[in-house]
Amino acid sequence: MDNASYHSAQTEKIPNTSSNKEEIKEFLQNNDLFFEESYTKKQLLEVLKTRQFTKKYNVDDMTKKRGFQVLRLPPYHCNFNPIEMIWAELKSHLRRNNTSPKFGFATIQLIKDEIGKISNVS
């Protein structure tokens, strides 16, 4: 699976420097980490760093329940993701051969023809 945002929704987001102070406090409380109410945001983030947290993704939970494991692709490595290579080829073909100024029947037919060629490749 690639790292698209809709694939990477976390079950519990780990706070970072973009998080507001209340979000950080709530996360620390939920994970039994001590902090003083008077701590600054920077100090709260330091408390957060005292423990290692692993990101947990919604998709991973769903697939695990069904007996599957998600393998995540490294960012920006489209060569490891065959569908990206197919999309690149399809878009290139459309740029070269689409003579219709608007997205209409001719463009849809061109897409269907090209997808037909791709799916017939073994």
PDB file of N, CA and C in Angstrom:
ATOM      1  N   MET A   1       0.845  -1.161   0.000  1.00  0.00           N
ATOM      2  CA  MET A   1       0.000   0.000   0.000  1.00  0.00           C
ATOM      3  C   MET A   1       0.900   1.236   0.000  1.00  0.00           C
ATOM      4  N   ASP A   2       0.499   2.231  -0.764  1.00  0.00           N
ATOM      5  CA  ASP A   2       1.303   3.452  -0.770  1.00  0.00           C
ATOM      6  C   ASP A   2       0.965   4.309   0.448  1.00  0.00           C
ATOM      7  N   ASN A   3       1.554   5.473   0.524  1.00  0.00           N
ATOM      8  CA  ASN A   3       1.406   6.317   1.712  1.00  0.00           C
ATOM      9  C   ASN A   3       0.396   7.442   1.525  1.00  0.00           C
ATOM     10  N   ALA A   4      -0.607   7.201   0.706  1.00  0.00           N
ATOM     11  CA  ALA A   4      -1.659   8.201   0.523  1.00  0.00           C
ATOM     12  C   ALA A   4      -2.334   8.472   1.868  1.00  0.00           C
ATOM     13  N   SER A   5      -2.780   9.698   2.053  1.00  0.00           N
ATOM     14  CA  SER A   5      -3.351  10.082   3.348  1.00  0.00           C
ATOM     15  C   SER A   5      -4.550   9.217   3.724  1.00  0.00           C
ATOM     16  N   TYR A   6      -5.352   8.795   2.737  1.00  0.00           N
ATOM     17  CA  TYR A   6      -6.520   7.977   3.057  1.00  0.00           C
ATOM     18  C   TYR A   6      -6.125   6.547   3.425  1.00  0.00           C
ATOM     19  N   HIS A   7      -4.908   6.124   3.131  1.00  0.00           N
ATOM     20  CA  HIS A   7      -4.410   4.819   3.570  1.00  0.00           C
ATOM     21  C   HIS A   7      -3.730   4.933   4.932  1.00  0.00           C
ATOM     22  N   SER A   8      -3.410   6.125   5.340  1.00  0.00           N
ATOM     23  CA  SER A   8      -2.574   6.323   6.520  1.00  0.00           C
ATOM     24  C   SER A   8      -3.288   6.991   7.687  1.00  0.00           C
ATOM     25  N   ALA A   9      -4.614   6.899   7.715  1.00  0.00           N
ATOM     26  CA  ALA A   9      -5.358   7.463   8.847  1.00  0.00           C
ATOM     27  C   ALA A   9      -5.019   6.651  10.094  1.00  0.00           C
ATOM     28  N   GLN A  10      -4.617   7.334  11.144  1.00  0.00           N
ATOM     29  CA  GLN A  10      -4.189   6.665  12.367  1.00  0.00           C
ATOM     30  C   GLN A  10      -5.352   6.475  13.326  1.00  0.00           C
ATOM     31  N   THR A  11      -5.330   5.348  14.045  1.00  0.00           N
ATOM     32  CA  THR A  11      -6.371   5.100  15.046  1.00  0.00           C
ATOM     33  C   THR A  11      -6.231   6.086  16.191  1.00  0.00           C
ATOM     34  N   GLU A  12      -5.002   6.401  16.578  1.00  0.00           N
ATOM     35  CA  GLU A  12      -4.730   7.421  17.596  1.00  0.00           C
ATOM     36  C   GLU A  12      -3.498   8.195  17.134  1.00  0.00           C
ATOM     37  N   LYS A  13      -3.725   9.433  16.737  1.00  0.00           N
ATOM     38  CA  LYS A  13      -2.632  10.237  16.208  1.00  0.00           C
ATOM     39  C   LYS A  13      -1.660  10.616  17.316  1.00  0.00           C
ATOM     40  N   ILE A  14      -0.381  10.372  17.051  1.00  0.00           N
ATOM     41  CA  ILE A  14       0.669  10.740  17.994  1.00  0.00           C
ATOM     42  C   ILE A  14       0.951  12.232  17.799  1.00  0.00           C
ATOM     43  N   PRO A  15       0.864  13.033  18.844  1.00  0.00           N
ATOM     44  CA  PRO A  15       1.076  14.477  18.700  1.00  0.00           C
ATOM     45  C   PRO A  15       2.477  14.810  18.176  1.00  0.00           C
ATOM     46  N   ASN A  16       2.554  15.945  17.506  1.00  0.00           N
ATOM     47  CA  ASN A  16       3.842  16.465  17.046  1.00  0.00           C
ATOM     48  C   ASN A  16       3.839  17.980  17.239  1.00  0.00           C
ATOM     49  N   THR A  17       4.819  18.652  16.700  1.00  0.00           N
ATOM     50  CA  THR A  17       4.931  20.103  16.899  1.00  0.00           C
ATOM     51  C   THR A  17       3.735  20.871  16.333  1.00  0.00           C
ATOM     52  N   SER A  18       2.990  20.260  15.398  1.00  0.00           N
ATOM     53  CA  SER A  18       1.806  20.915  14.828  1.00  0.00           C
ATOM     54  C   SER A  18       0.588  20.794  15.737  1.00  0.00           C
ATOM     55  N   SER A  19       0.630  19.867  16.664  1.00  0.00           N
ATOM     56  CA  SER A  19      -0.510  19.643  17.563  1.00  0.00           C
ATOM     57  C   SER A  19      -0.632  20.801  18.559  1.00  0.00           C
ATOM     58  N   ASN A  20      -1.875  21.047  18.973  1.00  0.00           N
ATOM     59  CA  ASN A  20      -2.028  22.101  19.983  1.00  0.00           C
ATOM     60  C   ASN A  20      -1.782  21.513  21.378  1.00  0.00           C
ATOM     61  N   LYS A  21      -1.623  22.377  22.322  1.00  0.00           N
ATOM     62  CA  LYS A  21      -1.242  22.001  23.682  1.00  0.00           C
ATOM     63  C   LYS A  21      -2.257  21.043  24.320  1.00  0.00           C
ATOM     64  N   GLU A  22      -3.533  21.283  24.098  1.00  0.00           N
ATOM     65  CA  GLU A  22      -4.580  20.434  24.675  1.00  0.00           C
ATOM     66  C   GLU A  22      -4.529  19.011  24.100  1.00  0.00           C
ATOM     67  N   GLU A  23      -4.264  18.893  22.809  1.00  0.00           N
ATOM     68  CA  GLU A  23      -4.147  17.561  22.193  1.00  0.00           C
ATOM     69  C   GLU A  23      -2.982  16.787  22.800  1.00  0.00           C
ATOM     70  N   ILE A  24      -1.882  17.471  23.016  1.00  0.00           N
ATOM     71  CA  ILE A  24      -0.696  16.830  23.596  1.00  0.00           C
ATOM     72  C   ILE A  24      -1.001  16.381  25.020  1.00  0.00           C
ATOM     73  N   LYS A  25      -1.625  17.257  25.803  1.00  0.00           N
ATOM     74  CA  LYS A  25      -1.976  16.917  27.190  1.00  0.00           C
ATOM     75  C   LYS A  25      -2.889  15.698  27.238  1.00  0.00           C
ATOM     76  N   GLU A  26      -3.895  15.681  26.391  1.00  0.00           N
ATOM     77  CA  GLU A  26      -4.845  14.561  26.361  1.00  0.00           C
ATOM     78  C   GLU A  26      -4.129  13.254  26.012  1.00  0.00           C
ATOM     79  N   PHE A  27      -3.231  13.305  25.036  1.00  0.00           N
ATOM     80  CA  PHE A  27      -2.476  12.115  24.652  1.00  0.00           C
ATOM     81  C   PHE A  27      -1.599  11.634  25.806  1.00  0.00           C
ATOM     82  N   LEU A  28      -0.937  12.559  26.474  1.00  0.00           N
ATOM     83  CA  LEU A  28      -0.084  12.197  27.604  1.00  0.00           C
ATOM     84  C   LEU A  28      -0.909  11.557  28.725  1.00  0.00           C
ATOM     85  N   GLN A  29      -2.057  12.125  29.019  1.00  0.00           N
ATOM     86  CA  GLN A  29      -2.929  11.560  30.058  1.00  0.00           C
ATOM     87  C   GLN A  29      -3.391  10.153  29.682  1.00  0.00           C
ATOM     88  N   ASN A  30      -3.794   9.976  28.427  1.00  0.00           N
ATOM     89  CA  ASN A  30      -4.272   8.665  27.961  1.00  0.00           C
ATOM     90  C   ASN A  30      -3.177   7.606  28.006  1.00  0.00           C
ATOM     91  N   ASN A  31      -1.923   8.045  27.973  1.00  0.00           N
ATOM     92  CA  ASN A  31      -0.797   7.110  27.974  1.00  0.00           C
ATOM     93  C   ASN A  31      -0.029   7.128  29.302  1.00  0.00           C
ATOM     94  N   ASP A  32      -0.677   7.605  30.344  1.00  0.00           N
ATOM     95  CA  ASP A  32      -0.116   7.606  31.711  1.00  0.00           C
ATOM     96  C   ASP A  32       1.277   8.234  31.809  1.00  0.00           C
ATOM     97  N   LEU A  33       1.446   9.370  31.167  1.00  0.00           N
ATOM     98  CA  LEU A  33       2.708  10.109  31.255  1.00  0.00           C
ATOM     99  C   LEU A  33       2.478  11.356  32.107  1.00  0.00           C
ATOM    100  N   PHE A  34       3.330  11.535  33.082  1.00  0.00           N
ATOM    101  CA  PHE A  34       3.178  12.639  34.022  1.00  0.00           C
ATOM    102  C   PHE A  34       3.643  13.955  33.402  1.00  0.00           C
ATOM    103  N   PHE A  35       2.881  15.003  33.690  1.00  0.00           N
ATOM    104  CA  PHE A  35       3.269  16.369  33.319  1.00  0.00           C
ATOM    105  C   PHE A  35       2.575  17.334  34.268  1.00  0.00           C
ATOM    106  N   GLU A  36       3.150  18.500  34.398  1.00  0.00           N
ATOM    107  CA  GLU A  36       2.552  19.564  35.215  1.00  0.00           C
ATOM    108  C   GLU A  36       1.656  20.409  34.309  1.00  0.00           C
ATOM    109  N   GLU A  37       0.578  20.893  34.857  1.00  0.00           N
ATOM    110  CA  GLU A  37      -0.336  21.756  34.084  1.00  0.00           C
ATOM    111  C   GLU A  37       0.373  23.006  33.561  1.00  0.00           C
ATOM    112  N   SER A  38       1.413  23.422  34.273  1.00  0.00           N
ATOM    113  CA  SER A  38       2.116  24.654  33.897  1.00  0.00           C
ATOM    114  C   SER A  38       3.132  24.449  32.759  1.00  0.00           C
ATOM    115  N   TYR A  39       3.331  23.202  32.319  1.00  0.00           N
ATOM    116  CA  TYR A  39       4.322  22.942  31.266  1.00  0.00           C
ATOM    117  C   TYR A  39       3.965  23.680  29.979  1.00  0.00           C
ATOM    118  N   THR A  40       5.000  24.124  29.307  1.00  0.00           N
ATOM    119  CA  THR A  40       4.817  24.742  27.994  1.00  0.00           C
ATOM    120  C   THR A  40       4.636  23.629  26.958  1.00  0.00           C
ATOM    121  N   LYS A  41       4.267  24.009  25.782  1.00  0.00           N
ATOM    122  CA  LYS A  41       4.102  23.037  24.703  1.00  0.00           C
ATOM    123  C   LYS A  41       5.418  22.303  24.449  1.00  0.00           C
ATOM    124  N   LYS A  42       6.508  23.037  24.472  1.00  0.00           N
ATOM    125  CA  LYS A  42       7.825  22.440  24.246  1.00  0.00           C
ATOM    126  C   LYS A  42       8.140  21.401  25.332  1.00  0.00           C
ATOM    127  N   GLN A  43       7.811  21.713  26.561  1.00  0.00           N
ATOM    128  CA  GLN A  43       8.051  20.775  27.663  1.00  0.00           C
ATOM    129  C   GLN A  43       7.156  19.536  27.539  1.00  0.00           C
ATOM    130  N   LEU A  44       5.930  19.733  27.104  1.00  0.00           N
ATOM    131  CA  LEU A  44       5.016  18.602  26.906  1.00  0.00           C
ATOM    132  C   LEU A  44       5.550  17.662  25.820  1.00  0.00           C
ATOM    133  N   LEU A  45       6.094  18.239  24.771  1.00  0.00           N
ATOM    134  CA  LEU A  45       6.674  17.417  23.699  1.00  0.00           C
ATOM    135  C   LEU A  45       7.907  16.662  24.186  1.00  0.00           C
ATOM    136  N   GLU A  46       8.649  17.253  25.100  1.00  0.00           N
ATOM    137  CA  GLU A  46       9.799  16.561  25.691  1.00  0.00           C
ATOM    138  C   GLU A  46       9.338  15.354  26.507  1.00  0.00           C
ATOM    139  N   VAL A  47       8.235  15.521  27.253  1.00  0.00           N
ATOM    140  CA  VAL A  47       7.673  14.401  28.007  1.00  0.00           C
ATOM    141  C   VAL A  47       7.248  13.301  27.030  1.00  0.00           C
ATOM    142  N   LEU A  48       6.646  13.694  25.932  1.00  0.00           N
ATOM    143  CA  LEU A  48       6.208  12.741  24.906  1.00  0.00           C
ATOM    144  C   LEU A  48       7.380  11.911  24.383  1.00  0.00           C
ATOM    145  N   LYS A  49       8.538  12.545  24.244  1.00  0.00           N
ATOM    146  CA  LYS A  49       9.726  11.858  23.708  1.00  0.00           C
ATOM    147  C   LYS A  49      10.330  10.842  24.673  1.00  0.00           C
ATOM    148  N   THR A  50       9.853  10.818  25.920  1.00  0.00           N
ATOM    149  CA  THR A  50      10.414   9.876  26.896  1.00  0.00           C
ATOM    150  C   THR A  50       9.955   8.441  26.638  1.00  0.00           C
ATOM    151  N   ARG A  51       8.961   8.293  25.788  1.00  0.00           N
ATOM    152  CA  ARG A  51       8.466   6.958  25.457  1.00  0.00           C
ATOM    153  C   ARG A  51       8.373   6.811  23.932  1.00  0.00           C
ATOM    154  N   GLN A  52       8.640   5.610  23.450  1.00  0.00           N
ATOM    155  CA  GLN A  52       8.558   5.311  22.016  1.00  0.00           C
ATOM    156  C   GLN A  52       7.124   4.884  21.683  1.00  0.00           C
ATOM    157  N   PHE A  53       6.506   5.519  20.701  1.00  0.00           N
ATOM    158  CA  PHE A  53       5.154   5.170  20.276  1.00  0.00           C
ATOM    159  C   PHE A  53       5.188   4.684  18.838  1.00  0.00           C
ATOM    160  N   THR A  54       4.409   3.650  18.568  1.00  0.00           N
ATOM    161  CA  THR A  54       4.306   3.112  17.217  1.00  0.00           C
ATOM    162  C   THR A  54       2.997   3.570  16.609  1.00  0.00           C
ATOM    163  N   LYS A  55       3.058   4.050  15.375  1.00  0.00           N
ATOM    164  CA  LYS A  55       1.842   4.492  14.702  1.00  0.00           C
ATOM    165  C   LYS A  55       0.954   3.277  14.430  1.00  0.00           C
ATOM    166  N   LYS A  56      -0.336   3.442  14.674  1.00  0.00           N
ATOM    167  CA  LYS A  56      -1.315   2.398  14.399  1.00  0.00           C
ATOM    168  C   LYS A  56      -2.316   2.965  13.400  1.00  0.00           C
ATOM    169  N   TYR A  57      -2.490   2.249  12.305  1.00  0.00           N
ATOM    170  CA  TYR A  57      -3.340   2.726  11.222  1.00  0.00           C
ATOM    171  C   TYR A  57      -4.672   1.981  11.181  1.00  0.00           C
ATOM    172  N   ASN A  58      -5.745   2.691  10.818  1.00  0.00           N
ATOM    173  CA  ASN A  58      -7.075   2.092  10.696  1.00  0.00           C
ATOM    174  C   ASN A  58      -7.061   0.919   9.721  1.00  0.00           C
ATOM    175  N   VAL A  59      -6.415   1.096   8.582  1.00  0.00           N
ATOM    176  CA  VAL A  59      -6.372   0.060   7.550  1.00  0.00           C
ATOM    177  C   VAL A  59      -5.696  -1.200   8.080  1.00  0.00           C
ATOM    178  N   ASP A  60      -4.640  -1.039   8.864  1.00  0.00           N
ATOM    179  CA  ASP A  60      -3.936  -2.199   9.420  1.00  0.00           C
ATOM    180  C   ASP A  60      -4.860  -3.002  10.338  1.00  0.00           C
ATOM    181  N   ASP A  61      -5.641  -2.302  11.150  1.00  0.00           N
ATOM    182  CA  ASP A  61      -6.571  -2.972  12.060  1.00  0.00           C
ATOM    183  C   ASP A  61      -7.629  -3.752  11.276  1.00  0.00           C
ATOM    184  N   MET A  62      -8.176  -3.129  10.232  1.00  0.00           N
ATOM    185  CA  MET A  62      -9.214  -3.787   9.432  1.00  0.00           C
ATOM    186  C   MET A  62      -8.667  -5.032   8.729  1.00  0.00           C
ATOM    187  N   THR A  63      -7.484  -4.915   8.152  1.00  0.00           N
ATOM    188  CA  THR A  63      -6.932  -6.053   7.410  1.00  0.00           C
ATOM    189  C   THR A  63      -6.495  -7.172   8.352  1.00  0.00           C
ATOM    190  N   LYS A  64      -5.974  -6.820   9.514  1.00  0.00           N
ATOM    191  CA  LYS A  64      -5.533  -7.829  10.479  1.00  0.00           C
ATOM    192  C   LYS A  64      -6.708  -8.692  10.937  1.00  0.00           C
ATOM    193  N   LYS A  65      -7.873  -8.067  11.144  1.00  0.00           N
ATOM    194  CA  LYS A  65      -9.074  -8.797  11.548  1.00  0.00           C
ATOM    195  C   LYS A  65      -9.482  -9.828  10.497  1.00  0.00           C
ATOM    196  N   ARG A  66      -9.110  -9.585   9.244  1.00  0.00           N
ATOM    197  CA  ARG A  66      -9.462 -10.493   8.154  1.00  0.00           C
ATOM    198  C   ARG A  66      -8.304 -11.420   7.763  1.00  0.00           C
ATOM    199  N   GLY A  67      -7.238 -11.389   8.565  1.00  0.00           N
ATOM    200  CA  GLY A  67      -6.131 -12.306   8.345  1.00  0.00           C
ATOM    201  C   GLY A  67      -5.078 -11.839   7.351  1.00  0.00           C
ATOM    202  N   PHE A  68      -5.018 -10.542   7.083  1.00  0.00           N
ATOM    203  CA  PHE A  68      -4.041 -10.003   6.143  1.00  0.00           C
ATOM    204  C   PHE A  68      -3.097  -9.047   6.851  1.00  0.00           C
ATOM    205  N   GLN A  69      -1.968  -8.801   6.213  1.00  0.00           N
ATOM    206  CA  GLN A  69      -1.003  -7.836   6.733  1.00  0.00           C
ATOM    207  C   GLN A  69      -0.696  -6.832   5.628  1.00  0.00           C
ATOM    208  N   VAL A  70      -0.678  -5.566   5.985  1.00  0.00           N
ATOM    209  CA  VAL A  70      -0.385  -4.498   5.026  1.00  0.00           C
ATOM    210  C   VAL A  70       1.124  -4.307   4.937  1.00  0.00           C
ATOM    211  N   LEU A  71       1.623  -4.269   3.724  1.00  0.00           N
ATOM    212  CA  LEU A  71       3.021  -3.917   3.494  1.00  0.00           C
ATOM    213  C   LEU A  71       3.027  -2.530   2.871  1.00  0.00           C
ATOM    214  N   ARG A  72       3.674  -1.606   3.534  1.00  0.00           N
ATOM    215  CA  ARG A  72       3.699  -0.221   3.054  1.00  0.00           C
ATOM    216  C   ARG A  72       4.902   0.011   2.149  1.00  0.00           C
ATOM    217  N   LEU A  73       4.644   0.693   1.063  1.00  0.00           N
ATOM    218  CA  LEU A  73       5.705   1.025   0.125  1.00  0.00           C
ATOM    219  C   LEU A  73       6.483   2.233   0.628  1.00  0.00           C
ATOM    220  N   PRO A  74       7.775   2.292   0.302  1.00  0.00           N
ATOM    221  CA  PRO A  74       8.514   3.491   0.692  1.00  0.00           C
ATOM    222  C   PRO A  74       7.977   4.703  -0.080  1.00  0.00           C
ATOM    223  N   PRO A  75       7.974   5.878   0.535  1.00  0.00           N
ATOM    224  CA  PRO A  75       7.471   7.070  -0.160  1.00  0.00           C
ATOM    225  C   PRO A  75       8.258   7.362  -1.431  1.00  0.00           C
ATOM    226  N   TYR A  76       7.542   7.790  -2.457  1.00  0.00           N
ATOM    227  CA  TYR A  76       8.119   8.246  -3.722  1.00  0.00           C
ATOM    228  C   TYR A  76       8.873   7.151  -4.481  1.00  0.00           C
ATOM    229  N   HIS A  77       8.467   5.902  -4.332  1.00  0.00           N
ATOM    230  CA  HIS A  77       9.077   4.809  -5.089  1.00  0.00           C
ATOM    231  C   HIS A  77       8.010   4.147  -5.951  1.00  0.00           C
ATOM    232  N   CYS A  78       7.594   4.847  -7.007  1.00  0.00           N
ATOM    233  CA  CYS A  78       6.526   4.324  -7.852  1.00  0.00           C
ATOM    234  C   CYS A  78       6.948   3.036  -8.573  1.00  0.00           C
ATOM    235  N   ASN A  79       8.246   2.784  -8.681  1.00  0.00           N
ATOM    236  CA  ASN A  79       8.704   1.558  -9.344  1.00  0.00           C
ATOM    237  C   ASN A  79       8.288   0.310  -8.581  1.00  0.00           C
ATOM    238  N   PHE A  80       8.021   0.438  -7.276  1.00  0.00           N
ATOM    239  CA  PHE A  80       7.602  -0.699  -6.471  1.00  0.00           C
ATOM    240  C   PHE A  80       6.089  -0.896  -6.523  1.00  0.00           C
ATOM    241  N   ASN A  81       5.376   0.018  -7.141  1.00  0.00           N
ATOM    242  CA  ASN A  81       3.926  -0.032  -7.174  1.00  0.00           C
ATOM    243  C   ASN A  81       3.459  -0.118  -8.627  1.00  0.00           C
ATOM    244  N   PRO A  82       3.184  -1.322  -9.126  1.00  0.00           N
ATOM    245  CA  PRO A  82       2.851  -1.503 -10.549  1.00  0.00           C
ATOM    246  C   PRO A  82       1.684  -0.651 -11.034  1.00  0.00           C
ATOM    247  N   ILE A  83       0.684  -0.400 -10.194  1.00  0.00           N
ATOM    248  CA  ILE A  83      -0.455   0.396 -10.644  1.00  0.00           C
ATOM    249  C   ILE A  83      -0.018   1.812 -11.019  1.00  0.00           C
ATOM    250  N   GLU A  84       0.995   2.338 -10.335  1.00  0.00           N
ATOM    251  CA  GLU A  84       1.494   3.680 -10.672  1.00  0.00           C
ATOM    252  C   GLU A  84       2.108   3.695 -12.070  1.00  0.00           C
ATOM    253  N   MET A  85       2.783   2.622 -12.423  1.00  0.00           N
ATOM    254  CA  MET A  85       3.382   2.527 -13.763  1.00  0.00           C
ATOM    255  C   MET A  85       2.274   2.457 -14.829  1.00  0.00           C
ATOM    256  N   ILE A  86       1.202   1.729 -14.513  1.00  0.00           N
ATOM    257  CA  ILE A  86       0.076   1.615 -15.452  1.00  0.00           C
ATOM    258  C   ILE A  86      -0.614   2.964 -15.610  1.00  0.00           C
ATOM    259  N   TRP A  87      -0.862   3.664 -14.488  1.00  0.00           N
ATOM    260  CA  TRP A  87      -1.497   4.986 -14.571  1.00  0.00           C
ATOM    261  C   TRP A  87      -0.637   5.959 -15.379  1.00  0.00           C
ATOM    262  N   ALA A  88       0.659   5.901 -15.173  1.00  0.00           N
ATOM    263  CA  ALA A  88       1.560   6.791 -15.924  1.00  0.00           C
ATOM    264  C   ALA A  88       1.447   6.528 -17.416  1.00  0.00           C
ATOM    265  N   GLU A  89       1.402   5.256 -17.782  1.00  0.00           N
ATOM    266  CA  GLU A  89       1.280   4.883 -19.197  1.00  0.00           C
ATOM    267  C   GLU A  89      -0.062   5.330 -19.765  1.00  0.00           C
ATOM    268  N   LEU A  90      -1.129   5.131 -19.010  1.00  0.00           N
ATOM    269  CA  LEU A  90      -2.469   5.538 -19.453  1.00  0.00           C
ATOM    270  C   LEU A  90      -2.547   7.049 -19.644  1.00  0.00           C
ATOM    271  N   LYS A  91      -2.049   7.815 -18.673  1.00  0.00           N
ATOM    272  CA  LYS A  91      -2.097   9.279 -18.780  1.00  0.00           C
ATOM    273  C   LYS A  91      -1.257   9.785 -19.947  1.00  0.00           C
ATOM    274  N   SER A  92      -0.123   9.163 -20.172  1.00  0.00           N
ATOM    275  CA  SER A  92       0.734   9.545 -21.296  1.00  0.00           C
ATOM    276  C   SER A  92       0.022   9.295 -22.623  1.00  0.00           C
ATOM    277  N   HIS A  93      -0.610   8.142 -22.736  1.00  0.00           N
ATOM    278  CA  HIS A  93      -1.353   7.803 -23.954  1.00  0.00           C
ATOM    279  C   HIS A  93      -2.490   8.808 -24.187  1.00  0.00           C
ATOM    280  N   LEU A  94      -3.201   9.170 -23.121  1.00  0.00           N
ATOM    281  CA  LEU A  94      -4.307  10.131 -23.258  1.00  0.00           C
ATOM    282  C   LEU A  94      -3.800  11.502 -23.711  1.00  0.00           C
ATOM    283  N   ARG A  95      -2.676  11.930 -23.158  1.00  0.00           N
ATOM    284  CA  ARG A  95      -2.117  13.234 -23.571  1.00  0.00           C
ATOM    285  C   ARG A  95      -1.764  13.238 -25.056  1.00  0.00           C
ATOM    286  N   ARG A  96      -1.219  12.134 -25.539  1.00  0.00           N
ATOM    287  CA  ARG A  96      -0.802  12.052 -26.942  1.00  0.00           C
ATOM    288  C   ARG A  96      -1.978  11.906 -27.898  1.00  0.00           C
ATOM    289  N   ASN A  97      -3.042  11.224 -27.473  1.00  0.00           N
ATOM    290  CA  ASN A  97      -4.091  10.831 -28.421  1.00  0.00           C
ATOM    291  C   ASN A  97      -5.462  11.451 -28.208  1.00  0.00           C
ATOM    292  N   ASN A  98      -5.676  12.176 -27.131  1.00  0.00           N
ATOM    293  CA  ASN A  98      -6.985  12.763 -26.889  1.00  0.00           C
ATOM    294  C   ASN A  98      -7.156  14.025 -27.720  1.00  0.00           C
ATOM    295  N   THR A  99      -8.090  13.974 -28.656  1.00  0.00           N
ATOM    296  CA  THR A  99      -8.348  15.139 -29.510  1.00  0.00           C
ATOM    297  C   THR A  99      -9.621  15.864 -29.097  1.00  0.00           C
ATOM    298  N   SER A 100     -10.325  15.298 -28.132  1.00  0.00           N
ATOM    299  CA  SER A 100     -11.570  15.897 -27.669  1.00  0.00           C
ATOM    300  C   SER A 100     -11.254  16.998 -26.654  1.00  0.00           C
ATOM    301  N   PRO A 101     -11.777  18.225 -26.878  1.00  0.00           N
ATOM    302  CA  PRO A 101     -11.458  19.322 -25.965  1.00  0.00           C
ATOM    303  C   PRO A 101     -12.068  19.166 -24.574  1.00  0.00           C
ATOM    304  N   LYS A 102     -13.161  18.444 -24.469  1.00  0.00           N
ATOM    305  CA  LYS A 102     -13.811  18.243 -23.181  1.00  0.00           C
ATOM    306  C   LYS A 102     -13.824  16.763 -22.854  1.00  0.00           C
ATOM    307  N   PHE A 103     -14.015  16.492 -21.584  1.00  0.00           N
ATOM    308  CA  PHE A 103     -14.105  15.107 -21.136  1.00  0.00           C
ATOM    309  C   PHE A 103     -15.477  14.582 -21.517  1.00  0.00           C
ATOM    310  N   GLY A 104     -15.534  13.864 -22.641  1.00  0.00           N
ATOM    311  CA  GLY A 104     -16.812  13.353 -23.125  1.00  0.00           C
ATOM    312  C   GLY A 104     -16.692  11.914 -23.569  1.00  0.00           C
ATOM    313  N   PHE A 105     -17.619  11.503 -24.427  1.00  0.00           N
ATOM    314  CA  PHE A 105     -17.688  10.119 -24.890  1.00  0.00           C
ATOM    315  C   PHE A 105     -16.383   9.679 -25.549  1.00  0.00           C
ATOM    316  N   ALA A 106     -15.803  10.518 -26.395  1.00  0.00           N
ATOM    317  CA  ALA A 106     -14.568  10.148 -27.106  1.00  0.00           C
ATOM    318  C   ALA A 106     -13.419   9.887 -26.131  1.00  0.00           C
ATOM    319  N   THR A 107     -13.315  10.713 -25.112  1.00  0.00           N
ATOM    320  CA  THR A 107     -12.260  10.544 -24.108  1.00  0.00           C
ATOM    321  C   THR A 107     -12.488   9.268 -23.307  1.00  0.00           C
ATOM    322  N   ILE A 108     -13.729   9.019 -22.924  1.00  0.00           N
ATOM    323  CA  ILE A 108     -14.051   7.799 -22.174  1.00  0.00           C
ATOM    324  C   ILE A 108     -13.732   6.565 -23.006  1.00  0.00           C
ATOM    325  N   GLN A 109     -14.074   6.614 -24.286  1.00  0.00           N
ATOM    326  CA  GLN A 109     -13.792   5.476 -25.169  1.00  0.00           C
ATOM    327  C   GLN A 109     -12.284   5.259 -25.293  1.00  0.00           C
ATOM    328  N   LEU A 110     -11.525   6.327 -25.389  1.00  0.00           N
ATOM    329  CA  LEU A 110     -10.068   6.238 -25.467  1.00  0.00           C
ATOM    330  C   LEU A 110      -9.503   5.587 -24.200  1.00  0.00           C
ATOM    331  N   ILE A 111     -10.033   5.970 -23.039  1.00  0.00           N
ATOM    332  CA  ILE A 111      -9.600   5.376 -21.768  1.00  0.00           C
ATOM    333  C   ILE A 111      -9.926   3.883 -21.755  1.00  0.00           C
ATOM    334  N   LYS A 112     -11.155   3.526 -22.138  1.00  0.00           N
ATOM    335  CA  LYS A 112     -11.550   2.114 -22.150  1.00  0.00           C
ATOM    336  C   LYS A 112     -10.668   1.295 -23.087  1.00  0.00           C
ATOM    337  N   ASP A 113     -10.371   1.839 -24.265  1.00  0.00           N
ATOM    338  CA  ASP A 113      -9.522   1.123 -25.222  1.00  0.00           C
ATOM    339  C   ASP A 113      -8.133   0.879 -24.644  1.00  0.00           C
ATOM    340  N   GLU A 114      -7.574   1.921 -24.023  1.00  0.00           N
ATOM    341  CA  GLU A 114      -6.218   1.794 -23.464  1.00  0.00           C
ATOM    342  C   GLU A 114      -6.198   0.830 -22.279  1.00  0.00           C
ATOM    343  N   ILE A 115      -7.211   0.885 -21.428  1.00  0.00           N
ATOM    344  CA  ILE A 115      -7.282  -0.057 -20.301  1.00  0.00           C
ATOM    345  C   ILE A 115      -7.422  -1.478 -20.823  1.00  0.00           C
ATOM    346  N   GLY A 116      -8.169  -1.654 -21.889  1.00  0.00           N
ATOM    347  CA  GLY A 116      -8.301  -2.971 -22.508  1.00  0.00           C
ATOM    348  C   GLY A 116      -6.951  -3.520 -22.962  1.00  0.00           C
ATOM    349  N   LYS A 117      -6.125  -2.653 -23.499  1.00  0.00           N
ATOM    350  CA  LYS A 117      -4.789  -3.079 -23.936  1.00  0.00           C
ATOM    351  C   LYS A 117      -3.923  -3.461 -22.742  1.00  0.00           C
ATOM    352  N   ILE A 118      -4.028  -2.679 -21.675  1.00  0.00           N
ATOM    353  CA  ILE A 118      -3.207  -2.943 -20.482  1.00  0.00           C
ATOM    354  C   ILE A 118      -3.612  -4.272 -19.844  1.00  0.00           C
ATOM    355  N   SER A 119      -4.915  -4.503 -19.721  1.00  0.00           N
ATOM    356  CA  SER A 119      -5.369  -5.724 -19.039  1.00  0.00           C
ATOM    357  C   SER A 119      -5.112  -6.976 -19.875  1.00  0.00           C
ATOM    358  N   ASN A 120      -4.873  -6.828 -21.171  1.00  0.00           N
ATOM    359  CA  ASN A 120      -4.598  -7.983 -22.031  1.00  0.00           C
ATOM    360  C   ASN A 120      -3.125  -8.355 -22.043  1.00  0.00           C
ATOM    361  N   VAL A 121      -2.303  -7.533 -21.416  1.00  0.00           N
ATOM    362  CA  VAL A 121      -0.862  -7.815 -21.347  1.00  0.00           C
ATOM    363  C   VAL A 121      -0.644  -8.839 -20.256  1.00  0.00           C
ATOM    364  N   SER A 122       0.167  -9.871 -20.549  1.00  0.00           N
ATOM    365  CA  SER A 122       0.406 -10.878 -19.498  1.00  0.00           C
ATOM    366  C   SER A 122       1.783 -10.786 -18.921  1.00  0.00           C
TER     367      SER A 122
END
